[in-house]
């Protein structure tokens, strides 16, 4: 101790392993530091399975590392089951923005009482909503949270959402096909004039309770006929509103004309579909 060899940066040099212990007290707690003990070369461990980085008056310290790995070998696990309700579980979490009260030292070594901002969860709420798995722990009158336990639940929720999205995409595609089949009775056998400059706009308000207004713009070139068609979610044609002139216009639909629900409406110009949008009647 107190030497510059083999590294002058350190004043304490120990060849071999170091053991800090409360022995002969019972139970005896130990902190073990091993060097050159095979892979990974340096080991730090405790016999009670817990190591805390803390200092008086400031609770726990921040821990910095280039990488952090947790044991996840399949041979260490039993009763493995898939998380089947990840979306339901993740909805129980309440993400919050808060200030952490700390009592740390500034760059001058002076104790400073202050706060800093963070995003996260409240450990007590997580513990209440996830009693089947020990996600929280208590130490030094502080409740700790293992945030890594949230990751598998989040992944499961994302996978569920992906399945829902894929199902909805298929349902929309099926409805679109049904709607296109409904248009077949309007399709002409000859070539039709261009309607590229015609536009259909989103109804306002949407959703609506009493009435809604659908605005549109129809190109005047070679105009022959136009109409707005309203379909239910099964692709069945419910309403057909003829349009007799080109230019800008609007269609008012009153709630009495339809039942509460979700609908598609399409602008047809010269027997061509210009656009289709969705509206909701509450």
C-alpha atoms as a PDB file:
ATOM      1  CA  UNK A   1       0.000   0.000   0.000  1.00  0.00           C
ATOM      2  CA  UNK A   2       1.174   3.538  -0.731  1.00  0.00           C
ATOM      3  CA  UNK A   3       3.490   2.430  -3.555  1.00  0.00           C
ATOM      4  CA  UNK A   4       3.627   3.500  -7.204  1.00  0.00           C
ATOM      5  CA  UNK A   5       4.168  -0.046  -8.482  1.00  0.00           C
ATOM      6  CA  UNK A   6       2.907  -1.527 -10.732  1.00  0.00           C
ATOM      7  CA  UNK A   7       0.602   1.420 -11.567  1.00  0.00           C
ATOM      8  CA  UNK A   8       1.362   4.876 -10.124  1.00  0.00           C
ATOM      9  CA  UNK A   9      -2.288   5.896 -10.599  1.00  0.00           C
ATOM     10  CA  UNK A  10      -3.257   3.634  -7.676  1.00  0.00           C
ATOM     11  CA  UNK A  11      -1.857   3.690  -4.123  1.00  0.00           C
ATOM     12  CA  UNK A  12      -3.181   0.273  -3.130  1.00  0.00           C
ATOM     13  CA  UNK A  13      -2.009  -2.802  -5.040  1.00  0.00           C
ATOM     14  CA  UNK A  14      -3.260  -6.318  -4.266  1.00  0.00           C
ATOM     15  CA  UNK A  15      -2.091  -9.447  -6.058  1.00  0.00           C
ATOM     16  CA  UNK A  16      -4.906 -11.973  -6.124  1.00  0.00           C
ATOM     17  CA  UNK A  17      -8.462 -11.744  -4.853  1.00  0.00           C
ATOM     18  CA  UNK A  18     -10.025  -9.416  -2.270  1.00  0.00           C
ATOM     19  CA  UNK A  19     -12.721 -10.367   0.246  1.00  0.00           C
ATOM     20  CA  UNK A  20     -14.669  -7.875   2.373  1.00  0.00           C
ATOM     21  CA  UNK A  21     -16.729  -9.659   5.032  1.00  0.00           C
ATOM     22  CA  UNK A  22     -18.707  -9.177   8.248  1.00  0.00           C
ATOM     23  CA  UNK A  23     -17.473 -12.574   9.555  1.00  0.00           C
ATOM     24  CA  UNK A  24     -17.755 -13.834  12.296  1.00  0.00           C
ATOM     25  CA  UNK A  25     -21.143 -12.099  12.482  1.00  0.00           C
ATOM     26  CA  UNK A  26     -24.108 -14.293  11.567  1.00  0.00           C
ATOM     27  CA  UNK A  27     -25.308 -14.001   8.919  1.00  0.00           C
ATOM     28  CA  UNK A  28     -21.996 -13.078   7.344  1.00  0.00           C
ATOM     29  CA  UNK A  29     -22.180 -10.785   4.324  1.00  0.00           C
ATOM     30  CA  UNK A  30     -19.379 -10.829   1.795  1.00  0.00           C
ATOM     31  CA  UNK A  31     -18.232  -8.700  -1.125  1.00  0.00           C
ATOM     32  CA  UNK A  32     -15.839 -10.589  -3.327  1.00  0.00           C
ATOM     33  CA  UNK A  33     -13.495  -9.132  -5.932  1.00  0.00           C
ATOM     34  CA  UNK A  34     -11.587 -11.543  -8.145  1.00  0.00           C
ATOM     35  CA  UNK A  35      -8.915 -10.748 -10.744  1.00  0.00           C
ATOM     36  CA  UNK A  36      -7.599 -13.178 -13.345  1.00  0.00           C
ATOM     37  CA  UNK A  37     -10.183 -15.785 -12.440  1.00  0.00           C
ATOM     38  CA  UNK A  38     -10.915 -16.790 -16.010  1.00  0.00           C
ATOM     39  CA  UNK A  39     -13.603 -15.202 -18.198  1.00  0.00           C
ATOM     40  CA  UNK A  40     -14.474 -12.336 -17.997  1.00  0.00           C
ATOM     41  CA  UNK A  41     -11.182 -11.684 -16.160  1.00  0.00           C
ATOM     42  CA  UNK A  42     -12.577  -9.478 -13.373  1.00  0.00           C
ATOM     43  CA  UNK A  43     -15.490 -10.436 -11.114  1.00  0.00           C
ATOM     44  CA  UNK A  44     -17.380  -8.538  -8.424  1.00  0.00           C
ATOM     45  CA  UNK A  45     -20.011 -10.442  -6.482  1.00  0.00           C
ATOM     46  CA  UNK A  46     -21.849 -10.686  -3.187  1.00  0.00           C
ATOM     47  CA  UNK A  47     -23.039 -13.754  -1.302  1.00  0.00           C
ATOM     48  CA  UNK A  48     -26.486 -12.259  -0.622  1.00  0.00           C
ATOM     49  CA  UNK A  49     -27.286 -11.685  -4.320  1.00  0.00           C
ATOM     50  CA  UNK A  50     -27.520  -7.897  -4.018  1.00  0.00           C
ATOM     51  CA  UNK A  51     -25.041  -5.071  -4.530  1.00  0.00           C
ATOM     52  CA  UNK A  52     -26.097  -1.455  -4.027  1.00  0.00           C
ATOM     53  CA  UNK A  53     -24.219   1.661  -5.119  1.00  0.00           C
ATOM     54  CA  UNK A  54     -25.068   4.386  -2.653  1.00  0.00           C
ATOM     55  CA  UNK A  55     -23.691   7.073  -0.385  1.00  0.00           C
ATOM     56  CA  UNK A  56     -25.136   8.675   2.780  1.00  0.00           C
ATOM     57  CA  UNK A  57     -27.614  11.524   2.263  1.00  0.00           C
ATOM     58  CA  UNK A  58     -28.007  10.900  -1.483  1.00  0.00           C
ATOM     59  CA  UNK A  59     -29.528   7.418  -1.554  1.00  0.00           C
ATOM     60  CA  UNK A  60     -28.452   5.549  -4.687  1.00  0.00           C
ATOM     61  CA  UNK A  61     -25.770   6.615  -7.152  1.00  0.00           C
ATOM     62  CA  UNK A  62     -26.040   6.637 -10.941  1.00  0.00           C
ATOM     63  CA  UNK A  63     -24.237   3.717 -12.547  1.00  0.00           C
ATOM     64  CA  UNK A  64     -22.491   4.126 -15.912  1.00  0.00           C
ATOM     65  CA  UNK A  65     -21.404   1.320 -18.226  1.00  0.00           C
ATOM     66  CA  UNK A  66     -20.721   0.827 -21.925  1.00  0.00           C
ATOM     67  CA  UNK A  67     -22.915  -2.303 -21.970  1.00  0.00           C
ATOM     68  CA  UNK A  68     -25.102  -4.116 -19.486  1.00  0.00           C
ATOM     69  CA  UNK A  69     -26.024  -7.799 -19.718  1.00  0.00           C
ATOM     70  CA  UNK A  70     -28.490  -9.823 -17.639  1.00  0.00           C
ATOM     71  CA  UNK A  71     -28.514 -13.602 -17.292  1.00  0.00           C
ATOM     72  CA  UNK A  72     -31.079 -14.998 -19.732  1.00  0.00           C
ATOM     73  CA  UNK A  73     -29.939 -18.539 -20.485  1.00  0.00           C
ATOM     74  CA  UNK A  74     -32.778 -20.964 -21.153  1.00  0.00           C
ATOM     75  CA  UNK A  75     -31.231 -23.572 -18.826  1.00  0.00           C
ATOM     76  CA  UNK A  76     -31.752 -21.153 -15.912  1.00  0.00           C
ATOM     77  CA  UNK A  77     -35.500 -20.957 -16.553  1.00  0.00           C
ATOM     78  CA  UNK A  78     -38.424 -23.293 -15.975  1.00  0.00           C
ATOM     79  CA  UNK A  79     -42.206 -23.174 -16.512  1.00  0.00           C
ATOM     80  CA  UNK A  80     -41.685 -20.981 -19.596  1.00  0.00           C
ATOM     81  CA  UNK A  81     -44.966 -19.534 -20.921  1.00  0.00           C
ATOM     82  CA  UNK A  82     -45.714 -16.977 -23.615  1.00  0.00           C
ATOM     83  CA  UNK A  83     -47.142 -13.609 -22.545  1.00  0.00           C
ATOM     84  CA  UNK A  84     -50.575 -13.793 -24.163  1.00  0.00           C
ATOM     85  CA  UNK A  85     -52.108 -10.591 -22.798  1.00  0.00           C
ATOM     86  CA  UNK A  86     -49.270  -8.114 -23.283  1.00  0.00           C
ATOM     87  CA  UNK A  87     -51.553  -5.379 -24.628  1.00  0.00           C
ATOM     88  CA  UNK A  88     -53.914  -5.707 -21.687  1.00  0.00           C
ATOM     89  CA  UNK A  89     -51.020  -5.664 -19.247  1.00  0.00           C
ATOM     90  CA  UNK A  90     -49.237  -2.683 -20.807  1.00  0.00           C
ATOM     91  CA  UNK A  91     -52.448  -0.657 -20.607  1.00  0.00           C
ATOM     92  CA  UNK A  92     -52.293  -0.971 -16.819  1.00  0.00           C
ATOM     93  CA  UNK A  93     -49.064   1.027 -16.771  1.00  0.00           C
ATOM     94  CA  UNK A  94     -49.260   4.785 -16.229  1.00  0.00           C
ATOM     95  CA  UNK A  95     -46.294   6.549 -17.883  1.00  0.00           C
ATOM     96  CA  UNK A  96     -45.514   9.770 -16.031  1.00  0.00           C
ATOM     97  CA  UNK A  97     -43.187  12.768 -16.150  1.00  0.00           C
ATOM     98  CA  UNK A  98     -41.785  13.746 -12.775  1.00  0.00           C
ATOM     99  CA  UNK A  99     -38.989  15.368 -10.794  1.00  0.00           C
ATOM    100  CA  UNK A 100     -36.585  13.240  -8.759  1.00  0.00           C
ATOM    101  CA  UNK A 101     -35.601  14.801  -5.437  1.00  0.00           C
ATOM    102  CA  UNK A 102     -31.881  14.351  -4.862  1.00  0.00           C
ATOM    103  CA  UNK A 103     -29.215  15.565  -2.478  1.00  0.00           C
ATOM    104  CA  UNK A 104     -26.028  15.121  -4.451  1.00  0.00           C
ATOM    105  CA  UNK A 105     -22.718  16.942  -4.614  1.00  0.00           C
ATOM    106  CA  UNK A 106     -21.909  19.560  -7.239  1.00  0.00           C
ATOM    107  CA  UNK A 107     -18.604  19.890  -9.105  1.00  0.00           C
ATOM    108  CA  UNK A 108     -17.127  21.692  -6.078  1.00  0.00           C
ATOM    109  CA  UNK A 109     -18.005  18.860  -3.715  1.00  0.00           C
ATOM    110  CA  UNK A 110     -20.797  20.863  -2.092  1.00  0.00           C
ATOM    111  CA  UNK A 111     -24.058  19.182  -1.118  1.00  0.00           C
ATOM    112  CA  UNK A 112     -26.883  20.603  -3.219  1.00  0.00           C
ATOM    113  CA  UNK A 113     -30.557  19.929  -2.661  1.00  0.00           C
ATOM    114  CA  UNK A 114     -32.404  19.911  -5.938  1.00  0.00           C
ATOM    115  CA  UNK A 115     -34.411  17.984  -8.490  1.00  0.00           C
ATOM    116  CA  UNK A 116     -34.018  16.672 -12.011  1.00  0.00           C
ATOM    117  CA  UNK A 117     -36.633  15.628 -14.563  1.00  0.00           C
ATOM    118  CA  UNK A 118     -37.318  12.047 -15.643  1.00  0.00           C
ATOM    119  CA  UNK A 119     -39.822   9.855 -17.486  1.00  0.00           C
ATOM    120  CA  UNK A 120     -40.905   6.591 -15.919  1.00  0.00           C
ATOM    121  CA  UNK A 121     -43.436   4.773 -13.750  1.00  0.00           C
ATOM    122  CA  UNK A 122     -44.425   4.814 -10.079  1.00  0.00           C
ATOM    123  CA  UNK A 123     -43.092   1.634  -8.467  1.00  0.00           C
ATOM    124  CA  UNK A 124     -46.060   1.272  -6.098  1.00  0.00           C
ATOM    125  CA  UNK A 125     -48.500   1.353  -9.036  1.00  0.00           C
ATOM    126  CA  UNK A 126     -46.499  -1.214 -11.009  1.00  0.00           C
ATOM    127  CA  UNK A 127     -46.300  -3.492  -7.975  1.00  0.00           C
ATOM    128  CA  UNK A 128     -50.077  -3.305  -7.527  1.00  0.00           C
ATOM    129  CA  UNK A 129     -50.848  -4.086 -11.179  1.00  0.00           C
ATOM    130  CA  UNK A 130     -48.299  -6.900 -11.597  1.00  0.00           C
ATOM    131  CA  UNK A 131     -48.531  -9.015  -8.435  1.00  0.00           C
ATOM    132  CA  UNK A 132     -47.673 -12.246 -10.257  1.00  0.00           C
ATOM    133  CA  UNK A 133     -44.065 -11.173 -10.916  1.00  0.00           C
ATOM    134  CA  UNK A 134     -41.702  -9.439  -8.486  1.00  0.00           C
ATOM    135  CA  UNK A 135     -40.864  -6.324 -10.479  1.00  0.00           C
ATOM    136  CA  UNK A 136     -40.173  -4.099  -7.464  1.00  0.00           C
ATOM    137  CA  UNK A 137     -37.945  -4.367  -4.408  1.00  0.00           C
ATOM    138  CA  UNK A 138     -37.469  -2.410  -1.176  1.00  0.00           C
ATOM    139  CA  UNK A 139     -34.154  -1.184   0.159  1.00  0.00           C
ATOM    140  CA  UNK A 140     -33.086   1.732   2.387  1.00  0.00           C
ATOM    141  CA  UNK A 141     -36.763   2.807   2.681  1.00  0.00           C
ATOM    142  CA  UNK A 142     -36.870   3.258  -1.108  1.00  0.00           C
ATOM    143  CA  UNK A 143     -38.938   1.183  -3.525  1.00  0.00           C
ATOM    144  CA  UNK A 144     -36.905   0.087  -6.552  1.00  0.00           C
ATOM    145  CA  UNK A 145     -38.245  -0.972  -9.961  1.00  0.00           C
ATOM    146  CA  UNK A 146     -36.730  -3.429 -12.448  1.00  0.00           C
ATOM    147  CA  UNK A 147     -37.558  -1.606 -15.685  1.00  0.00           C
ATOM    148  CA  UNK A 148     -36.202  -4.490 -17.778  1.00  0.00           C
ATOM    149  CA  UNK A 149     -39.236  -6.555 -16.740  1.00  0.00           C
ATOM    150  CA  UNK A 150     -41.424  -4.131 -18.717  1.00  0.00           C
ATOM    151  CA  UNK A 151     -39.628  -4.902 -22.013  1.00  0.00           C
ATOM    152  CA  UNK A 152     -41.112  -8.403 -22.649  1.00  0.00           C
ATOM    153  CA  UNK A 153     -44.619  -7.098 -21.871  1.00  0.00           C
ATOM    154  CA  UNK A 154     -44.093  -4.219 -24.324  1.00  0.00           C
ATOM    155  CA  UNK A 155     -42.838  -6.600 -27.032  1.00  0.00           C
ATOM    156  CA  UNK A 156     -45.874  -8.832 -26.497  1.00  0.00           C
ATOM    157  CA  UNK A 157     -48.161  -5.789 -26.776  1.00  0.00           C
ATOM    158  CA  UNK A 158     -46.480  -4.719 -30.026  1.00  0.00           C
ATOM    159  CA  UNK A 159     -46.925  -8.223 -31.433  1.00  0.00           C
ATOM    160  CA  UNK A 160     -50.620  -8.153 -30.508  1.00  0.00           C
ATOM    161  CA  UNK A 161     -51.018  -4.755 -32.169  1.00  0.00           C
ATOM    162  CA  UNK A 162     -49.283  -6.098 -35.286  1.00  0.00           C
ATOM    163  CA  UNK A 163     -51.799  -8.940 -35.447  1.00  0.00           C
ATOM    164  CA  UNK A 164     -54.688  -6.485 -35.004  1.00  0.00           C
ATOM    165  CA  UNK A 165     -53.302  -4.190 -37.722  1.00  0.00           C
ATOM    166  CA  UNK A 166     -52.844  -7.111 -40.121  1.00  0.00           C
ATOM    167  CA  UNK A 167     -56.401  -8.240 -39.418  1.00  0.00           C
ATOM    168  CA  UNK A 168     -57.770  -4.741 -40.004  1.00  0.00           C
ATOM    169  CA  UNK A 169     -55.776  -4.419 -43.231  1.00  0.00           C
ATOM    170  CA  UNK A 170     -57.301  -7.636 -44.486  1.00  0.00           C
ATOM    171  CA  UNK A 171     -60.777  -6.513 -43.439  1.00  0.00           C
ATOM    172  CA  UNK A 172     -60.334  -3.161 -45.202  1.00  0.00           C
ATOM    173  CA  UNK A 173     -59.048  -4.888 -48.321  1.00  0.00           C
ATOM    174  CA  UNK A 174     -62.074  -7.218 -48.297  1.00  0.00           C
ATOM    175  CA  UNK A 175     -64.438  -4.254 -47.866  1.00  0.00           C
ATOM    176  CA  UNK A 176     -62.681  -2.401 -50.677  1.00  0.00           C
ATOM    177  CA  UNK A 177     -63.118  -5.414 -52.936  1.00  0.00           C
ATOM    178  CA  UNK A 178     -66.804  -5.613 -52.028  1.00  0.00           C
ATOM    179  CA  UNK A 179     -67.195  -1.900 -52.711  1.00  0.00           C
ATOM    180  CA  UNK A 180     -65.408  -2.211 -56.049  1.00  0.00           C
ATOM    181  CA  UNK A 181     -67.745  -5.033 -56.987  1.00  0.00           C
ATOM    182  CA  UNK A 182     -70.659  -2.754 -56.148  1.00  0.00           C
ATOM    183  CA  UNK A 183     -69.232  -0.192 -58.611  1.00  0.00           C
ATOM    184  CA  UNK A 184     -69.220  -2.740 -61.410  1.00  0.00           C
ATOM    185  CA  UNK A 185     -72.841  -1.948 -62.279  1.00  0.00           C
ATOM    186  CA  UNK A 186     -71.779   1.649 -62.985  1.00  0.00           C
ATOM    187  CA  UNK A 187     -68.770   0.779 -65.125  1.00  0.00           C
ATOM    188  CA  UNK A 188     -69.057   1.562 -68.847  1.00  0.00           C
ATOM    189  CA  UNK A 189     -67.809  -0.654 -71.635  1.00  0.00           C
ATOM    190  CA  UNK A 190     -66.042   2.140 -73.529  1.00  0.00           C
ATOM    191  CA  UNK A 191     -63.158   4.472 -72.651  1.00  0.00           C
ATOM    192  CA  UNK A 192     -64.090   7.351 -70.326  1.00  0.00           C
ATOM    193  CA  UNK A 193     -62.869  10.981 -70.343  1.00  0.00           C
ATOM    194  CA  UNK A 194     -60.240  11.996 -67.789  1.00  0.00           C
ATOM    195  CA  UNK A 195     -61.396  13.143 -64.325  1.00  0.00           C
ATOM    196  CA  UNK A 196     -57.958  13.793 -62.837  1.00  0.00           C
ATOM    197  CA  UNK A 197     -58.880  17.286 -61.607  1.00  0.00           C
ATOM    198  CA  UNK A 198     -61.925  16.177 -59.608  1.00  0.00           C
ATOM    199  CA  UNK A 199     -61.597  16.047 -55.804  1.00  0.00           C
ATOM    200  CA  UNK A 200     -63.506  14.627 -52.836  1.00  0.00           C
ATOM    201  CA  UNK A 201     -62.941  16.126 -49.387  1.00  0.00           C
ATOM    202  CA  UNK A 202     -63.419  14.827 -45.850  1.00  0.00           C
ATOM    203  CA  UNK A 203     -66.870  15.453 -44.412  1.00  0.00           C
ATOM    204  CA  UNK A 204     -67.158  17.986 -41.588  1.00  0.00           C
ATOM    205  CA  UNK A 205     -67.813  17.426 -38.785  1.00  0.00           C
ATOM    206  CA  UNK A 206     -66.641  13.874 -38.526  1.00  0.00           C
ATOM    207  CA  UNK A 207     -67.913  12.146 -36.428  1.00  0.00           C
ATOM    208  CA  UNK A 208     -71.302  13.919 -36.581  1.00  0.00           C
ATOM    209  CA  UNK A 209     -74.564  13.705 -34.670  1.00  0.00           C
ATOM    210  CA  UNK A 210     -77.059  15.960 -36.478  1.00  0.00           C
ATOM    211  CA  UNK A 211     -75.686  16.669 -39.939  1.00  0.00           C
ATOM    212  CA  UNK A 212     -72.430  16.676 -41.890  1.00  0.00           C
ATOM    213  CA  UNK A 213     -71.236  18.395 -45.073  1.00  0.00           C
ATOM    214  CA  UNK A 214     -69.322  16.656 -47.852  1.00  0.00           C
ATOM    215  CA  UNK A 215     -67.546  19.066 -50.212  1.00  0.00           C
ATOM    216  CA  UNK A 216     -66.299  18.167 -53.676  1.00  0.00           C
ATOM    217  CA  UNK A 217     -64.855  19.636 -56.851  1.00  0.00           C
ATOM    218  CA  UNK A 218     -65.653  18.197 -60.288  1.00  0.00           C
ATOM    219  CA  UNK A 219     -63.671  18.986 -63.428  1.00  0.00           C
ATOM    220  CA  UNK A 220     -65.758  20.626 -66.138  1.00  0.00           C
ATOM    221  CA  UNK A 221     -63.901  19.016 -69.052  1.00  0.00           C
ATOM    222  CA  UNK A 222     -66.098  16.392 -70.739  1.00  0.00           C
ATOM    223  CA  UNK A 223     -68.402  16.260 -67.724  1.00  0.00           C
ATOM    224  CA  UNK A 224     -71.373  13.962 -68.242  1.00  0.00           C
ATOM    225  CA  UNK A 225     -72.515  12.599 -64.886  1.00  0.00           C
ATOM    226  CA  UNK A 226     -71.542  12.392 -61.226  1.00  0.00           C
ATOM    227  CA  UNK A 227     -72.855  11.135 -57.913  1.00  0.00           C
ATOM    228  CA  UNK A 228     -71.867  10.467 -54.324  1.00  0.00           C
ATOM    229  CA  UNK A 229     -72.430   6.913 -53.108  1.00  0.00           C
ATOM    230  CA  UNK A 230     -72.685   5.866 -49.459  1.00  0.00           C
ATOM    231  CA  UNK A 231     -71.812   2.290 -48.433  1.00  0.00           C
ATOM    232  CA  UNK A 232     -71.990   0.438 -45.141  1.00  0.00           C
ATOM    233  CA  UNK A 233     -68.977  -1.418 -43.731  1.00  0.00           C
ATOM    234  CA  UNK A 234     -70.056  -4.548 -45.628  1.00  0.00           C
ATOM    235  CA  UNK A 235     -69.779  -2.729 -48.940  1.00  0.00           C
ATOM    236  CA  UNK A 236     -73.529  -2.569 -49.549  1.00  0.00           C
ATOM    237  CA  UNK A 237     -74.773   0.534 -51.346  1.00  0.00           C
ATOM    238  CA  UNK A 238     -77.151   2.505 -49.098  1.00  0.00           C
ATOM    239  CA  UNK A 239     -77.524   5.931 -50.700  1.00  0.00           C
ATOM    240  CA  UNK A 240     -76.891   7.511 -54.102  1.00  0.00           C
ATOM    241  CA  UNK A 241     -76.883  11.321 -54.413  1.00  0.00           C
ATOM    242  CA  UNK A 242     -76.861  12.519 -58.062  1.00  0.00           C
ATOM    243  CA  UNK A 243     -74.749  15.577 -58.981  1.00  0.00           C
ATOM    244  CA  UNK A 244     -76.014  17.460 -62.007  1.00  0.00           C
ATOM    245  CA  UNK A 245     -73.259  20.035 -62.586  1.00  0.00           C
ATOM    246  CA  UNK A 246     -69.473  20.300 -62.522  1.00  0.00           C
ATOM    247  CA  UNK A 247     -67.484  22.704 -60.343  1.00  0.00           C
ATOM    248  CA  UNK A 248     -67.349  23.085 -56.568  1.00  0.00           C
ATOM    249  CA  UNK A 249     -70.269  21.814 -54.541  1.00  0.00           C
ATOM    250  CA  UNK A 250     -71.352  20.315 -51.249  1.00  0.00           C
ATOM    251  CA  UNK A 251     -73.712  17.614 -50.061  1.00  0.00           C
ATOM    252  CA  UNK A 252     -75.471  17.848 -46.689  1.00  0.00           C
ATOM    253  CA  UNK A 253     -76.331  14.518 -45.062  1.00  0.00           C
ATOM    254  CA  UNK A 254     -78.674  14.591 -42.059  1.00  0.00           C
ATOM    255  CA  UNK A 255     -78.488  12.038 -39.277  1.00  0.00           C
ATOM    256  CA  UNK A 256     -82.062  10.896 -39.995  1.00  0.00           C
ATOM    257  CA  UNK A 257     -80.907   9.452 -43.308  1.00  0.00           C
ATOM    258  CA  UNK A 258     -78.626   6.850 -41.717  1.00  0.00           C
ATOM    259  CA  UNK A 259     -78.317   4.745 -38.595  1.00  0.00           C
ATOM    260  CA  UNK A 260     -75.500   5.350 -36.126  1.00  0.00           C
ATOM    261  CA  UNK A 261     -72.338   3.676 -37.367  1.00  0.00           C
ATOM    262  CA  UNK A 262     -69.364   3.902 -39.720  1.00  0.00           C
ATOM    263  CA  UNK A 263     -69.721   4.403 -43.477  1.00  0.00           C
ATOM    264  CA  UNK A 264     -67.720   4.823 -46.689  1.00  0.00           C
ATOM    265  CA  UNK A 265     -68.660   7.495 -49.213  1.00  0.00           C
ATOM    266  CA  UNK A 266     -67.303   7.761 -52.749  1.00  0.00           C
ATOM    267  CA  UNK A 267     -67.342  10.367 -55.495  1.00  0.00           C
ATOM    268  CA  UNK A 268     -68.126   8.915 -58.940  1.00  0.00           C
ATOM    269  CA  UNK A 269     -67.521  11.164 -61.969  1.00  0.00           C
ATOM    270  CA  UNK A 270     -68.189   9.970 -65.485  1.00  0.00           C
ATOM    271  CA  UNK A 271     -68.630   6.476 -63.997  1.00  0.00           C
ATOM    272  CA  UNK A 272     -65.094   6.580 -62.517  1.00  0.00           C
ATOM    273  CA  UNK A 273     -64.308   6.425 -58.794  1.00  0.00           C
ATOM    274  CA  UNK A 274     -62.452   9.603 -57.799  1.00  0.00           C
ATOM    275  CA  UNK A 275     -61.906   8.928 -54.095  1.00  0.00           C
ATOM    276  CA  UNK A 276     -63.429   7.191 -51.088  1.00  0.00           C
ATOM    277  CA  UNK A 277     -63.470   8.411 -47.496  1.00  0.00           C
ATOM    278  CA  UNK A 278     -64.873   7.289 -44.185  1.00  0.00           C
ATOM    279  CA  UNK A 279     -67.462   9.024 -41.990  1.00  0.00           C
ATOM    280  CA  UNK A 280     -68.945   8.201 -38.590  1.00  0.00           C
ATOM    281  CA  UNK A 281     -72.438   8.945 -37.308  1.00  0.00           C
ATOM    282  CA  UNK A 282     -72.756   8.877 -33.516  1.00  0.00           C
END
